[in-house]
Amino acid sequence: MSENKTKFNAEEMKSIVQEVVTDVLKDAKYTHSEVVNWNGQIVDSCLKKLRATYKTYKFVVTCVILQKNGAGFYAGSSVYWDNANDGSSSYRFENDTMYAITNVFALSV
């Protein structure tokens, strides 16, 4: 991933996020006391990998980890940006005990 990309690619960013989230949560069972650690690992690793690949972008990465218990969840976002160069990508991880929703907002510099 040392190649410097200059054009936003949502699918590539989603692939990076999927790899990170799966690596952190692949065998995990929801444990309330671990959520802060998992969340930090996911956000930090995503930022490092994205920054190494896309040096001409700034990133906002969010991650929400929810216990799978039948409760509903809704989140929204709104942006004001350059539609030609900026973009976003989302990835939803799910296993038997939890969901993790990770969003990346990429802003060209």
PDB file of N, CA and C in Angstrom:
ATOM      1  N   MET A   1       0.803  -1.199   0.000  1.00  0.00           N
ATOM      2  CA  MET A   1       0.000   0.000   0.000  1.00  0.00           C
ATOM      3  C   MET A   1       0.845   1.261   0.000  1.00  0.00           C
ATOM      4  N   SER A   2       2.044   1.204  -0.437  1.00  0.00           N
ATOM      5  CA  SER A   2       2.895   2.379  -0.459  1.00  0.00           C
ATOM      6  C   SER A   2       2.576   3.291  -1.642  1.00  0.00           C
ATOM      7  N   GLU A   3       1.792   2.810  -2.578  1.00  0.00           N
ATOM      8  CA  GLU A   3       1.415   3.621  -3.736  1.00  0.00           C
ATOM      9  C   GLU A   3       0.529   4.771  -3.271  1.00  0.00           C
ATOM     10  N   ASN A   4       0.805   5.979  -3.742  1.00  0.00           N
ATOM     11  CA  ASN A   4       0.030   7.142  -3.359  1.00  0.00           C
ATOM     12  C   ASN A   4      -1.117   7.349  -4.339  1.00  0.00           C
ATOM     13  N   LYS A   5      -2.329   7.140  -3.881  1.00  0.00           N
ATOM     14  CA  LYS A   5      -3.514   7.334  -4.712  1.00  0.00           C
ATOM     15  C   LYS A   5      -3.961   8.780  -4.588  1.00  0.00           C
ATOM     16  N   THR A   6      -4.403   9.358  -5.688  1.00  0.00           N
ATOM     17  CA  THR A   6      -4.853  10.748  -5.662  1.00  0.00           C
ATOM     18  C   THR A   6      -6.329  10.892  -6.005  1.00  0.00           C
ATOM     19  N   LYS A   7      -6.997   9.828  -6.372  1.00  0.00           N
ATOM     20  CA  LYS A   7      -8.417   9.871  -6.722  1.00  0.00           C
ATOM     21  C   LYS A   7      -9.204   9.009  -5.749  1.00  0.00           C
ATOM     22  N   PHE A   8     -10.277   9.551  -5.219  1.00  0.00           N
ATOM     23  CA  PHE A   8     -11.130   8.840  -4.276  1.00  0.00           C
ATOM     24  C   PHE A   8     -11.717   7.586  -4.915  1.00  0.00           C
ATOM     25  N   ASN A   9     -11.661   6.477  -4.199  1.00  0.00           N
ATOM     26  CA  ASN A   9     -12.215   5.210  -4.661  1.00  0.00           C
ATOM     27  C   ASN A   9     -12.963   4.566  -3.500  1.00  0.00           C
ATOM     28  N   ALA A  10     -14.292   4.681  -3.501  1.00  0.00           N
ATOM     29  CA  ALA A  10     -15.113   4.204  -2.386  1.00  0.00           C
ATOM     30  C   ALA A  10     -14.956   2.709  -2.148  1.00  0.00           C
ATOM     31  N   GLU A  11     -14.892   1.923  -3.201  1.00  0.00           N
ATOM     32  CA  GLU A  11     -14.771   0.471  -3.037  1.00  0.00           C
ATOM     33  C   GLU A  11     -13.426   0.084  -2.433  1.00  0.00           C
ATOM     34  N   GLU A  12     -12.375   0.761  -2.847  1.00  0.00           N
ATOM     35  CA  GLU A  12     -11.061   0.474  -2.276  1.00  0.00           C
ATOM     36  C   GLU A  12     -11.016   0.856  -0.795  1.00  0.00           C
ATOM     37  N   MET A  13     -11.606   1.993  -0.465  1.00  0.00           N
ATOM     38  CA  MET A  13     -11.647   2.407   0.939  1.00  0.00           C
ATOM     39  C   MET A  13     -12.474   1.438   1.764  1.00  0.00           C
ATOM     40  N   LYS A  14     -13.592   0.980   1.207  1.00  0.00           N
ATOM     41  CA  LYS A  14     -14.420  -0.003   1.910  1.00  0.00           C
ATOM     42  C   LYS A  14     -13.631  -1.286   2.141  1.00  0.00           C
ATOM     43  N   SER A  15     -12.847  -1.696   1.177  1.00  0.00           N
ATOM     44  CA  SER A  15     -12.026  -2.896   1.306  1.00  0.00           C
ATOM     45  C   SER A  15     -10.991  -2.746   2.426  1.00  0.00           C
ATOM     46  N   ILE A  16     -10.378  -1.577   2.528  1.00  0.00           N
ATOM     47  CA  ILE A  16      -9.417  -1.307   3.598  1.00  0.00           C
ATOM     48  C   ILE A  16     -10.110  -1.393   4.951  1.00  0.00           C
ATOM     49  N   VAL A  17     -11.268  -0.757   5.070  1.00  0.00           N
ATOM     50  CA  VAL A  17     -12.017  -0.769   6.329  1.00  0.00           C
ATOM     51  C   VAL A  17     -12.463  -2.184   6.672  1.00  0.00           C
ATOM     52  N   GLN A  18     -12.961  -2.923   5.696  1.00  0.00           N
ATOM     53  CA  GLN A  18     -13.398  -4.303   5.925  1.00  0.00           C
ATOM     54  C   GLN A  18     -12.249  -5.151   6.469  1.00  0.00           C
ATOM     55  N   GLU A  19     -11.079  -5.003   5.883  1.00  0.00           N
ATOM     56  CA  GLU A  19      -9.909  -5.762   6.337  1.00  0.00           C
ATOM     57  C   GLU A  19      -9.576  -5.441   7.798  1.00  0.00           C
ATOM     58  N   VAL A  20      -9.591  -4.161   8.145  1.00  0.00           N
ATOM     59  CA  VAL A  20      -9.264  -3.743   9.513  1.00  0.00           C
ATOM     60  C   VAL A  20     -10.308  -4.251  10.499  1.00  0.00           C
ATOM     61  N   VAL A  21     -11.582  -4.013  10.212  1.00  0.00           N
ATOM     62  CA  VAL A  21     -12.653  -4.400  11.132  1.00  0.00           C
ATOM     63  C   VAL A  21     -12.676  -5.908  11.324  1.00  0.00           C
ATOM     64  N   THR A  22     -12.564  -6.653  10.251  1.00  0.00           N
ATOM     65  CA  THR A  22     -12.566  -8.114  10.339  1.00  0.00           C
ATOM     66  C   THR A  22     -11.377  -8.607  11.150  1.00  0.00           C
ATOM     67  N   ASP A  23     -10.224  -7.991  10.958  1.00  0.00           N
ATOM     68  CA  ASP A  23      -9.039  -8.388  11.714  1.00  0.00           C
ATOM     69  C   ASP A  23      -9.237  -8.176  13.218  1.00  0.00           C
ATOM     70  N   VAL A  24      -9.861  -7.071  13.603  1.00  0.00           N
ATOM     71  CA  VAL A  24     -10.060  -6.757  15.021  1.00  0.00           C
ATOM     72  C   VAL A  24     -11.177  -7.597  15.634  1.00  0.00           C
ATOM     73  N   LEU A  25     -12.276  -7.810  14.906  1.00  0.00           N
ATOM     74  CA  LEU A  25     -13.476  -8.415  15.497  1.00  0.00           C
ATOM     75  C   LEU A  25     -13.778  -9.839  15.058  1.00  0.00           C
ATOM     76  N   LYS A  26     -12.961 -10.447  14.217  1.00  0.00           N
ATOM     77  CA  LYS A  26     -13.317 -11.725  13.583  1.00  0.00           C
ATOM     78  C   LYS A  26     -13.760 -12.817  14.557  1.00  0.00           C
ATOM     79  N   ASP A  27     -13.094 -12.973  15.686  1.00  0.00           N
ATOM     80  CA  ASP A  27     -13.446 -14.031  16.638  1.00  0.00           C
ATOM     81  C   ASP A  27     -14.031 -13.485  17.931  1.00  0.00           C
ATOM     82  N   ALA A  28     -14.364 -12.208  17.957  1.00  0.00           N
ATOM     83  CA  ALA A  28     -14.806 -11.563  19.194  1.00  0.00           C
ATOM     84  C   ALA A  28     -16.279 -11.830  19.483  1.00  0.00           C
ATOM     85  N   LYS A  29     -16.583 -11.907  20.753  1.00  0.00           N
ATOM     86  CA  LYS A  29     -17.954 -11.922  21.249  1.00  0.00           C
ATOM     87  C   LYS A  29     -18.160 -10.591  21.956  1.00  0.00           C
ATOM     88  N   TYR A  30     -19.355 -10.020  21.819  1.00  0.00           N
ATOM     89  CA  TYR A  30     -19.590  -8.708  22.419  1.00  0.00           C
ATOM     90  C   TYR A  30     -19.283  -8.738  23.910  1.00  0.00           C
ATOM     91  N   THR A  31     -18.393  -7.847  24.307  1.00  0.00           N
ATOM     92  CA  THR A  31     -18.029  -7.665  25.707  1.00  0.00           C
ATOM     93  C   THR A  31     -17.954  -6.161  25.935  1.00  0.00           C
ATOM     94  N   HIS A  32     -18.856  -5.658  26.756  1.00  0.00           N
ATOM     95  CA  HIS A  32     -18.959  -4.212  26.967  1.00  0.00           C
ATOM     96  C   HIS A  32     -17.609  -3.586  27.312  1.00  0.00           C
ATOM     97  N   SER A  33     -16.835  -4.234  28.144  1.00  0.00           N
ATOM     98  CA  SER A  33     -15.554  -3.668  28.584  1.00  0.00           C
ATOM     99  C   SER A  33     -14.505  -3.617  27.469  1.00  0.00           C
ATOM    100  N   GLU A  34     -14.698  -4.348  26.390  1.00  0.00           N
ATOM    101  CA  GLU A  34     -13.737  -4.361  25.278  1.00  0.00           C
ATOM    102  C   GLU A  34     -14.090  -3.387  24.154  1.00  0.00           C
ATOM    103  N   VAL A  35     -15.301  -2.866  24.161  1.00  0.00           N
ATOM    104  CA  VAL A  35     -15.771  -2.032  23.053  1.00  0.00           C
ATOM    105  C   VAL A  35     -14.874  -0.817  22.829  1.00  0.00           C
ATOM    106  N   VAL A  36     -14.460  -0.157  23.893  1.00  0.00           N
ATOM    107  CA  VAL A  36     -13.600   1.025  23.751  1.00  0.00           C
ATOM    108  C   VAL A  36     -12.282   0.647  23.077  1.00  0.00           C
ATOM    109  N   ASN A  37     -11.689  -0.472  23.479  1.00  0.00           N
ATOM    110  CA  ASN A  37     -10.435  -0.929  22.870  1.00  0.00           C
ATOM    111  C   ASN A  37     -10.627  -1.278  21.397  1.00  0.00           C
ATOM    112  N   TRP A  38     -11.661  -2.047  21.089  1.00  0.00           N
ATOM    113  CA  TRP A  38     -11.925  -2.431  19.699  1.00  0.00           C
ATOM    114  C   TRP A  38     -12.138  -1.194  18.832  1.00  0.00           C
ATOM    115  N   ASN A  39     -12.951  -0.274  19.347  1.00  0.00           N
ATOM    116  CA  ASN A  39     -13.262   0.936  18.595  1.00  0.00           C
ATOM    117  C   ASN A  39     -11.994   1.724  18.299  1.00  0.00           C
ATOM    118  N   GLY A  40     -11.151   1.894  19.300  1.00  0.00           N
ATOM    119  CA  GLY A  40      -9.892   2.613  19.109  1.00  0.00           C
ATOM    120  C   GLY A  40      -8.983   1.936  18.103  1.00  0.00           C
ATOM    121  N   GLN A  41      -8.890   0.608  18.181  1.00  0.00           N
ATOM    122  CA  GLN A  41      -8.060  -0.143  17.231  1.00  0.00           C
ATOM    123  C   GLN A  41      -8.560   0.039  15.805  1.00  0.00           C
ATOM    124  N   ILE A  42      -9.871  -0.055  15.634  1.00  0.00           N
ATOM    125  CA  ILE A  42     -10.469   0.062  14.298  1.00  0.00           C
ATOM    126  C   ILE A  42     -10.227   1.450  13.716  1.00  0.00           C
ATOM    127  N   VAL A  43     -10.547   2.482  14.475  1.00  0.00           N
ATOM    128  CA  VAL A  43     -10.409   3.851  13.978  1.00  0.00           C
ATOM    129  C   VAL A  43      -8.942   4.180  13.696  1.00  0.00           C
ATOM    130  N   ASP A  44      -8.056   3.850  14.630  1.00  0.00           N
ATOM    131  CA  ASP A  44      -6.631   4.154  14.435  1.00  0.00           C
ATOM    132  C   ASP A  44      -6.038   3.398  13.248  1.00  0.00           C
ATOM    133  N   SER A  45      -6.337   2.114  13.136  1.00  0.00           N
ATOM    134  CA  SER A  45      -5.791   1.315  12.028  1.00  0.00           C
ATOM    135  C   SER A  45      -6.334   1.773  10.682  1.00  0.00           C
ATOM    136  N   CYS A  46      -7.623   2.095  10.634  1.00  0.00           N
ATOM    137  CA  CYS A  46      -8.199   2.609   9.383  1.00  0.00           C
ATOM    138  C   CYS A  46      -7.505   3.898   8.969  1.00  0.00           C
ATOM    139  N   LEU A  47      -7.341   4.816   9.907  1.00  0.00           N
ATOM    140  CA  LEU A  47      -6.688   6.085   9.582  1.00  0.00           C
ATOM    141  C   LEU A  47      -5.268   5.872   9.078  1.00  0.00           C
ATOM    142  N   LYS A  48      -4.510   5.008   9.724  1.00  0.00           N
ATOM    143  CA  LYS A  48      -3.130   4.755   9.303  1.00  0.00           C
ATOM    144  C   LYS A  48      -3.070   4.177   7.892  1.00  0.00           C
ATOM    145  N   LYS A  49      -3.918   3.188   7.621  1.00  0.00           N
ATOM    146  CA  LYS A  49      -3.894   2.557   6.295  1.00  0.00           C
ATOM    147  C   LYS A  49      -4.400   3.497   5.208  1.00  0.00           C
ATOM    148  N   LEU A  50      -5.451   4.229   5.496  1.00  0.00           N
ATOM    149  CA  LEU A  50      -5.982   5.170   4.516  1.00  0.00           C
ATOM    150  C   LEU A  50      -4.984   6.289   4.243  1.00  0.00           C
ATOM    151  N   ARG A  51      -4.381   6.798   5.289  1.00  0.00           N
ATOM    152  CA  ARG A  51      -3.410   7.887   5.137  1.00  0.00           C
ATOM    153  C   ARG A  51      -2.182   7.431   4.348  1.00  0.00           C
ATOM    154  N   ALA A  52      -1.772   6.188   4.546  1.00  0.00           N
ATOM    155  CA  ALA A  52      -0.620   5.660   3.807  1.00  0.00           C
ATOM    156  C   ALA A  52      -0.930   5.501   2.325  1.00  0.00           C
ATOM    157  N   THR A  53      -2.193   5.259   2.002  1.00  0.00           N
ATOM    158  CA  THR A  53      -2.598   5.036   0.619  1.00  0.00           C
ATOM    159  C   THR A  53      -2.996   6.325  -0.092  1.00  0.00           C
ATOM    160  N   TYR A  54      -3.683   7.205   0.612  1.00  0.00           N
ATOM    161  CA  TYR A  54      -4.203   8.445   0.026  1.00  0.00           C
ATOM    162  C   TYR A  54      -3.589   9.645   0.745  1.00  0.00           C
ATOM    163  N   LYS A  55      -2.425  10.067   0.312  1.00  0.00           N
ATOM    164  CA  LYS A  55      -1.708  11.149   0.990  1.00  0.00           C
ATOM    165  C   LYS A  55      -2.305  12.535   0.726  1.00  0.00           C
ATOM    166  N   THR A  56      -3.123  12.665  -0.294  1.00  0.00           N
ATOM    167  CA  THR A  56      -3.702  13.972  -0.614  1.00  0.00           C
ATOM    168  C   THR A  56      -5.108  14.139  -0.041  1.00  0.00           C
ATOM    169  N   TYR A  57      -5.462  13.315   0.936  1.00  0.00           N
ATOM    170  CA  TYR A  57      -6.776  13.384   1.569  1.00  0.00           C
ATOM    171  C   TYR A  57      -6.643  13.526   3.077  1.00  0.00           C
ATOM    172  N   LYS A  58      -7.647  14.162   3.657  1.00  0.00           N
ATOM    173  CA  LYS A  58      -7.845  14.132   5.101  1.00  0.00           C
ATOM    174  C   LYS A  58      -9.041  13.218   5.323  1.00  0.00           C
ATOM    175  N   PHE A  59      -9.056  12.533   6.462  1.00  0.00           N
ATOM    176  CA  PHE A  59     -10.098  11.545   6.722  1.00  0.00           C
ATOM    177  C   PHE A  59     -10.799  11.785   8.048  1.00  0.00           C
ATOM    178  N   VAL A  60     -12.077  11.440   8.058  1.00  0.00           N
ATOM    179  CA  VAL A  60     -12.848  11.327   9.286  1.00  0.00           C
ATOM    180  C   VAL A  60     -13.324   9.882   9.316  1.00  0.00           C
ATOM    181  N   VAL A  61     -13.008   9.170  10.385  1.00  0.00           N
ATOM    182  CA  VAL A  61     -13.428   7.774  10.526  1.00  0.00           C
ATOM    183  C   VAL A  61     -14.255   7.659  11.794  1.00  0.00           C
ATOM    184  N   THR A  62     -15.452   7.092  11.664  1.00  0.00           N
ATOM    185  CA  THR A  62     -16.289   6.828  12.830  1.00  0.00           C
ATOM    186  C   THR A  62     -16.592   5.340  12.887  1.00  0.00           C
ATOM    187  N   CYS A  63     -16.761   4.842  14.093  1.00  0.00           N
ATOM    188  CA  CYS A  63     -17.109   3.437  14.273  1.00  0.00           C
ATOM    189  C   CYS A  63     -18.073   3.321  15.444  1.00  0.00           C
ATOM    190  N   VAL A  64     -19.156   2.615  15.232  1.00  0.00           N
ATOM    191  CA  VAL A  64     -20.128   2.337  16.282  1.00  0.00           C
ATOM    192  C   VAL A  64     -20.211   0.830  16.426  1.00  0.00           C
ATOM    193  N   ILE A  65     -20.044   0.343  17.655  1.00  0.00           N
ATOM    194  CA  ILE A  65     -20.148  -1.089  17.931  1.00  0.00           C
ATOM    195  C   ILE A  65     -21.353  -1.286  18.834  1.00  0.00           C
ATOM    196  N   LEU A  66     -22.282  -2.121  18.379  1.00  0.00           N
ATOM    197  CA  LEU A  66     -23.542  -2.341  19.087  1.00  0.00           C
ATOM    198  C   LEU A  66     -23.734  -3.810  19.412  1.00  0.00           C
ATOM    199  N   GLN A  67     -24.231  -4.059  20.610  1.00  0.00           N
ATOM    200  CA  GLN A  67     -24.583  -5.429  20.968  1.00  0.00           C
ATOM    201  C   GLN A  67     -25.817  -5.836  20.167  1.00  0.00           C
ATOM    202  N   LYS A  68     -25.817  -7.049  19.680  1.00  0.00           N
ATOM    203  CA  LYS A  68     -26.947  -7.562  18.910  1.00  0.00           C
ATOM    204  C   LYS A  68     -27.993  -8.058  19.912  1.00  0.00           C
ATOM    205  N   ASN A  69     -29.015  -7.215  20.135  1.00  0.00           N
ATOM    206  CA  ASN A  69     -30.038  -7.570  21.118  1.00  0.00           C
ATOM    207  C   ASN A  69     -31.450  -7.226  20.651  1.00  0.00           C
ATOM    208  N   GLY A  70     -31.599  -6.923  19.385  1.00  0.00           N
ATOM    209  CA  GLY A  70     -32.922  -6.641  18.846  1.00  0.00           C
ATOM    210  C   GLY A  70     -33.319  -5.175  18.872  1.00  0.00           C
ATOM    211  N   ALA A  71     -32.502  -4.319  19.464  1.00  0.00           N
ATOM    212  CA  ALA A  71     -32.818  -2.896  19.511  1.00  0.00           C
ATOM    213  C   ALA A  71     -32.530  -2.258  18.155  1.00  0.00           C
ATOM    214  N   GLY A  72     -33.269  -1.236  17.837  1.00  0.00           N
ATOM    215  CA  GLY A  72     -33.057  -0.526  16.585  1.00  0.00           C
ATOM    216  C   GLY A  72     -31.937   0.489  16.702  1.00  0.00           C
ATOM    217  N   PHE A  73     -31.428   0.906  15.553  1.00  0.00           N
ATOM    218  CA  PHE A  73     -30.372   1.917  15.519  1.00  0.00           C
ATOM    219  C   PHE A  73     -30.501   2.683  14.218  1.00  0.00           C
ATOM    220  N   TYR A  74     -30.405   3.997  14.310  1.00  0.00           N
ATOM    221  CA  TYR A  74     -30.424   4.837  13.122  1.00  0.00           C
ATOM    222  C   TYR A  74     -29.378   5.931  13.288  1.00  0.00           C
ATOM    223  N   ALA A  75     -28.658   6.209  12.249  1.00  0.00           N
ATOM    224  CA  ALA A  75     -27.687   7.307  12.262  1.00  0.00           C
ATOM    225  C   ALA A  75     -27.731   7.986  10.903  1.00  0.00           C
ATOM    226  N   GLY A  76     -27.473   9.249  10.891  1.00  0.00           N
ATOM    227  CA  GLY A  76     -27.440   9.993   9.641  1.00  0.00           C
ATOM    228  C   GLY A  76     -26.255  10.938   9.629  1.00  0.00           C
ATOM    229  N   SER A  77     -25.937  11.419   8.451  1.00  0.00           N
ATOM    230  CA  SER A  77     -24.862  12.405   8.334  1.00  0.00           C
ATOM    231  C   SER A  77     -25.165  13.307   7.147  1.00  0.00           C
ATOM    232  N   SER A  78     -24.582  14.470   7.183  1.00  0.00           N
ATOM    233  CA  SER A  78     -24.728  15.419   6.095  1.00  0.00           C
ATOM    234  C   SER A  78     -23.372  16.072   5.872  1.00  0.00           C
ATOM    235  N   VAL A  79     -23.043  16.329   4.627  1.00  0.00           N
ATOM    236  CA  VAL A  79     -21.736  16.909   4.321  1.00  0.00           C
ATOM    237  C   VAL A  79     -21.883  18.034   3.302  1.00  0.00           C
ATOM    238  N   TYR A  80     -20.940  18.933   3.332  1.00  0.00           N
ATOM    239  CA  TYR A  80     -20.827  19.987   2.332  1.00  0.00           C
ATOM    240  C   TYR A  80     -19.405  19.899   1.812  1.00  0.00           C
ATOM    241  N   TRP A  81     -19.251  19.383   0.593  1.00  0.00           N
ATOM    242  CA  TRP A  81     -17.913  19.125   0.079  1.00  0.00           C
ATOM    243  C   TRP A  81     -17.873  19.205  -1.428  1.00  0.00           C
ATOM    244  N   ASP A  82     -16.723  18.886  -1.971  1.00  0.00           N
ATOM    245  CA  ASP A  82     -16.498  18.879  -3.410  1.00  0.00           C
ATOM    246  C   ASP A  82     -16.914  17.509  -3.952  1.00  0.00           C
ATOM    247  N   ASN A  83     -18.051  17.438  -4.607  1.00  0.00           N
ATOM    248  CA  ASN A  83     -18.563  16.154  -5.100  1.00  0.00           C
ATOM    249  C   ASN A  83     -17.632  15.464  -6.087  1.00  0.00           C
ATOM    250  N   ALA A  84     -16.802  16.214  -6.778  1.00  0.00           N
ATOM    251  CA  ALA A  84     -15.903  15.618  -7.770  1.00  0.00           C
ATOM    252  C   ALA A  84     -14.711  14.917  -7.130  1.00  0.00           C
ATOM    253  N   ASN A  85     -14.299  15.345  -5.937  1.00  0.00           N
ATOM    254  CA  ASN A  85     -13.072  14.814  -5.343  1.00  0.00           C
ATOM    255  C   ASN A  85     -13.247  14.163  -3.977  1.00  0.00           C
ATOM    256  N   ASP A  86     -14.240  14.568  -3.226  1.00  0.00           N
ATOM    257  CA  ASP A  86     -14.456  14.030  -1.888  1.00  0.00           C
ATOM    258  C   ASP A  86     -15.457  12.885  -1.948  1.00  0.00           C
ATOM    259  N   GLY A  87     -15.536  12.125  -0.873  1.00  0.00           N
ATOM    260  CA  GLY A  87     -16.504  11.038  -0.858  1.00  0.00           C
ATOM    261  C   GLY A  87     -16.542  10.325   0.473  1.00  0.00           C
ATOM    262  N   SER A  88     -17.367   9.293   0.525  1.00  0.00           N
ATOM    263  CA  SER A  88     -17.493   8.518   1.753  1.00  0.00           C
ATOM    264  C   SER A  88     -17.698   7.051   1.415  1.00  0.00           C
ATOM    265  N   SER A  89     -17.460   6.240   2.416  1.00  0.00           N
ATOM    266  CA  SER A  89     -17.629   4.803   2.271  1.00  0.00           C
ATOM    267  C   SER A  89     -18.030   4.242   3.626  1.00  0.00           C
ATOM    268  N   SER A  90     -18.875   3.224   3.629  1.00  0.00           N
ATOM    269  CA  SER A  90     -19.333   2.598   4.871  1.00  0.00           C
ATOM    270  C   SER A  90     -19.168   1.094   4.791  1.00  0.00           C
ATOM    271  N   TYR A  91     -18.947   0.505   5.955  1.00  0.00           N
ATOM    272  CA  TYR A  91     -18.850  -0.953   6.050  1.00  0.00           C
ATOM    273  C   TYR A  91     -19.566  -1.408   7.313  1.00  0.00           C
ATOM    274  N   ARG A  92     -20.421  -2.424   7.167  1.00  0.00           N
ATOM    275  CA  ARG A  92     -21.126  -2.991   8.315  1.00  0.00           C
ATOM    276  C   ARG A  92     -20.650  -4.408   8.556  1.00  0.00           C
ATOM    277  N   PHE A  93     -20.108  -4.632   9.739  1.00  0.00           N
ATOM    278  CA  PHE A  93     -19.667  -5.954  10.181  1.00  0.00           C
ATOM    279  C   PHE A  93     -20.761  -6.522  11.076  1.00  0.00           C
ATOM    280  N   GLU A  94     -20.979  -7.831  10.971  1.00  0.00           N
ATOM    281  CA  GLU A  94     -21.981  -8.480  11.821  1.00  0.00           C
ATOM    282  C   GLU A  94     -21.504  -9.876  12.176  1.00  0.00           C
ATOM    283  N   ASN A  95     -21.676 -10.238  13.449  1.00  0.00           N
ATOM    284  CA  ASN A  95     -21.497 -11.628  13.859  1.00  0.00           C
ATOM    285  C   ASN A  95     -22.661 -12.001  14.771  1.00  0.00           C
ATOM    286  N   ASP A  96     -22.566 -13.088  15.500  1.00  0.00           N
ATOM    287  CA  ASP A  96     -23.683 -13.552  16.326  1.00  0.00           C
ATOM    288  C   ASP A  96     -24.022 -12.621  17.480  1.00  0.00           C
ATOM    289  N   THR A  97     -23.074 -11.799  17.924  1.00  0.00           N
ATOM    290  CA  THR A  97     -23.292 -11.007  19.130  1.00  0.00           C
ATOM    291  C   THR A  97     -23.236  -9.499  18.938  1.00  0.00           C
ATOM    292  N   MET A  98     -22.805  -9.021  17.770  1.00  0.00           N
ATOM    293  CA  MET A  98     -22.665  -7.568  17.612  1.00  0.00           C
ATOM    294  C   MET A  98     -22.685  -7.117  16.155  1.00  0.00           C
ATOM    295  N   TYR A  99     -22.865  -5.812  16.033  1.00  0.00           N
ATOM    296  CA  TYR A  99     -22.718  -5.106  14.768  1.00  0.00           C
ATOM    297  C   TYR A  99     -21.620  -4.060  14.956  1.00  0.00           C
ATOM    298  N   ALA A 100     -20.884  -3.772  13.905  1.00  0.00           N
ATOM    299  CA  ALA A 100     -19.950  -2.643  13.905  1.00  0.00           C
ATOM    300  C   ALA A 100     -20.151  -1.894  12.595  1.00  0.00           C
ATOM    301  N   ILE A 101     -20.485  -0.628  12.701  1.00  0.00           N
ATOM    302  CA  ILE A 101     -20.703   0.199  11.521  1.00  0.00           C
ATOM    303  C   ILE A 101     -19.580   1.232  11.471  1.00  0.00           C
ATOM    304  N   THR A 102     -18.800   1.187  10.407  1.00  0.00           N
ATOM    305  CA  THR A 102     -17.653   2.084  10.267  1.00  0.00           C
ATOM    306  C   THR A 102     -17.847   2.948   9.027  1.00  0.00           C
ATOM    307  N   ASN A 103     -17.697   4.245   9.202  1.00  0.00           N
ATOM    308  CA  ASN A 103     -17.841   5.209   8.113  1.00  0.00           C
ATOM    309  C   ASN A 103     -16.533   5.951   7.898  1.00  0.00           C
ATOM    310  N   VAL A 104     -16.207   6.185   6.637  1.00  0.00           N
ATOM    311  CA  VAL A 104     -15.030   6.971   6.276  1.00  0.00           C
ATOM    312  C   VAL A 104     -15.497   8.131   5.409  1.00  0.00           C
ATOM    313  N   PHE A 105     -15.077   9.326   5.781  1.00  0.00           N
ATOM    314  CA  PHE A 105     -15.300  10.513   4.976  1.00  0.00           C
ATOM    315  C   PHE A 105     -13.933  10.974   4.499  1.00  0.00           C
ATOM    316  N   ALA A 106     -13.749  11.073   3.191  1.00  0.00           N
ATOM    317  CA  ALA A 106     -12.466  11.439   2.601  1.00  0.00           C
ATOM    318  C   ALA A 106     -12.584  12.831   1.983  1.00  0.00           C
ATOM    319  N   LEU A 107     -11.721  13.729   2.415  1.00  0.00           N
ATOM    320  CA  LEU A 107     -11.757  15.115   1.973  1.00  0.00           C
ATOM    321  C   LEU A 107     -10.444  15.462   1.288  1.00  0.00           C
ATOM    322  N   SER A 108     -10.517  15.811   0.011  1.00  0.00           N
ATOM    323  CA  SER A 108      -9.288  16.123  -0.726  1.00  0.00           C
ATOM    324  C   SER A 108      -8.680  17.426  -0.221  1.00  0.00           C
ATOM    325  N   VAL A 109      -7.362  17.439  -0.217  1.00  0.00           N
ATOM    326  CA  VAL A 109      -6.639  18.618   0.283  1.00  0.00           C
ATOM    327  C   VAL A 109      -6.214  19.468  -0.894  1.00  0.00           C
TER     328      VAL A 109
END
